[in-house]
Amino acid sequence: MASHQEKTQLDKRAKKGETVVPGGTGGGSFEAQQHLAEGAEDGIRARKKQLGTKGYQKMGR
């Protein structure tokens, strides 16, 4: 987990438009990017469950 100082620095960078969390593109703050990344992971897991592993692998080709 990032320290308070690290979070503050990441938040400043995020507010300047930089993506500081993988999968958090478009978030205007460090916290927003974290939530976007978590939501993306949940969506990926749900889609994989719907399609099954083989269907999900085919979709990626």
C-alpha atoms as a PDB file:
ATOM      1  CA  MET A   1       0.000   0.000   0.000  1.00  0.00           C
ATOM      2  CA  ALA A   2       1.240   3.464  -0.822  1.00  0.00           C
ATOM      3  CA  SER A   3       2.101   5.852   2.001  1.00  0.00           C
ATOM      4  CA  HIS A   4       0.200   9.115   2.469  1.00  0.00           C
ATOM      5  CA  GLN A   5       3.023  11.055   0.798  1.00  0.00           C
ATOM      6  CA  GLU A   6       3.104   8.668  -2.184  1.00  0.00           C
ATOM      7  CA  LYS A   7      -0.683   8.893  -2.552  1.00  0.00           C
ATOM      8  CA  THR A   8      -0.476  12.687  -2.542  1.00  0.00           C
ATOM      9  CA  GLN A   9       2.175  12.642  -5.275  1.00  0.00           C
ATOM     10  CA  LEU A  10       0.204  10.140  -7.357  1.00  0.00           C
ATOM     11  CA  ASP A  11      -2.950  12.220  -6.924  1.00  0.00           C
ATOM     12  CA  LYS A  12      -1.154  15.341  -8.183  1.00  0.00           C
ATOM     13  CA  ARG A  13       0.101  13.451 -11.251  1.00  0.00           C
ATOM     14  CA  ALA A  14      -3.374  12.021 -11.915  1.00  0.00           C
ATOM     15  CA  LYS A  15      -4.937  15.483 -11.729  1.00  0.00           C
ATOM     16  CA  LYS A  16      -2.483  16.622 -14.416  1.00  0.00           C
ATOM     17  CA  GLY A  17      -3.892  13.900 -16.692  1.00  0.00           C
ATOM     18  CA  GLU A  18      -1.295  11.181 -16.182  1.00  0.00           C
ATOM     19  CA  THR A  19      -2.435   7.576 -15.740  1.00  0.00           C
ATOM     20  CA  VAL A  20      -0.868   6.414 -12.476  1.00  0.00           C
ATOM     21  CA  VAL A  21      -2.854   3.181 -11.990  1.00  0.00           C
ATOM     22  CA  PRO A  22      -2.835   0.512 -14.727  1.00  0.00           C
ATOM     23  CA  GLY A  23      -6.380   0.310 -16.082  1.00  0.00           C
ATOM     24  CA  GLY A  24      -7.332   3.646 -14.534  1.00  0.00           C
ATOM     25  CA  THR A  25      -7.242   5.697 -17.723  1.00  0.00           C
ATOM     26  CA  GLY A  26      -9.562   8.672 -17.579  1.00  0.00           C
ATOM     27  CA  GLY A  27      -9.725   9.047 -13.817  1.00  0.00           C
ATOM     28  CA  GLY A  28      -9.201  12.588 -12.577  1.00  0.00           C
ATOM     29  CA  SER A  29      -7.623  11.532  -9.290  1.00  0.00           C
ATOM     30  CA  PHE A  30      -5.609   8.671  -7.839  1.00  0.00           C
ATOM     31  CA  GLU A  31      -8.688   7.309  -6.059  1.00  0.00           C
ATOM     32  CA  ALA A  32     -10.829   7.554  -9.206  1.00  0.00           C
ATOM     33  CA  GLN A  33      -8.215   5.651 -11.202  1.00  0.00           C
ATOM     34  CA  GLN A  34      -8.146   2.923  -8.544  1.00  0.00           C
ATOM     35  CA  HIS A  35     -11.939   2.558  -8.779  1.00  0.00           C
ATOM     36  CA  LEU A  36     -11.843   2.447 -12.587  1.00  0.00           C
ATOM     37  CA  ALA A  37      -9.165  -0.248 -12.521  1.00  0.00           C
ATOM     38  CA  GLU A  38     -11.160  -2.331 -10.024  1.00  0.00           C
ATOM     39  CA  GLY A  39     -14.286  -2.017 -12.160  1.00  0.00           C
ATOM     40  CA  ALA A  40     -12.386  -3.094 -15.265  1.00  0.00           C
ATOM     41  CA  GLU A  41     -11.084  -6.183 -13.461  1.00  0.00           C
ATOM     42  CA  ASP A  42     -14.610  -7.074 -12.320  1.00  0.00           C
ATOM     43  CA  GLY A  43     -15.900  -6.700 -15.880  1.00  0.00           C
ATOM     44  CA  ILE A  44     -13.150  -8.905 -17.262  1.00  0.00           C
ATOM     45  CA  ARG A  45     -13.868 -11.632 -14.705  1.00  0.00           C
ATOM     46  CA  ALA A  46     -17.609 -11.490 -15.420  1.00  0.00           C
ATOM     47  CA  ARG A  47     -17.088 -11.728 -19.190  1.00  0.00           C
ATOM     48  CA  LYS A  48     -14.668 -14.626 -18.793  1.00  0.00           C
ATOM     49  CA  LYS A  49     -17.211 -16.437 -16.617  1.00  0.00           C
ATOM     50  CA  GLN A  50     -19.950 -15.873 -19.222  1.00  0.00           C
ATOM     51  CA  LEU A  51     -17.864 -17.100 -22.166  1.00  0.00           C
ATOM     52  CA  GLY A  52     -15.784 -19.745 -20.445  1.00  0.00           C
ATOM     53  CA  THR A  53     -12.013 -19.869 -20.702  1.00  0.00           C
ATOM     54  CA  LYS A  54     -11.880 -21.078 -24.320  1.00  0.00           C
ATOM     55  CA  GLY A  55     -14.426 -18.536 -25.547  1.00  0.00           C
ATOM     56  CA  TYR A  56     -12.607 -15.750 -23.733  1.00  0.00           C
ATOM     57  CA  GLN A  57      -9.303 -16.801 -25.314  1.00  0.00           C
ATOM     58  CA  LYS A  58     -10.908 -16.836 -28.786  1.00  0.00           C
ATOM     59  CA  MET A  59     -12.296 -13.351 -28.204  1.00  0.00           C
ATOM     60  CA  GLY A  60      -8.769 -12.072 -27.591  1.00  0.00           C
ATOM     61  CA  ARG A  61      -7.493 -13.267 -30.968  1.00  0.00           C
END
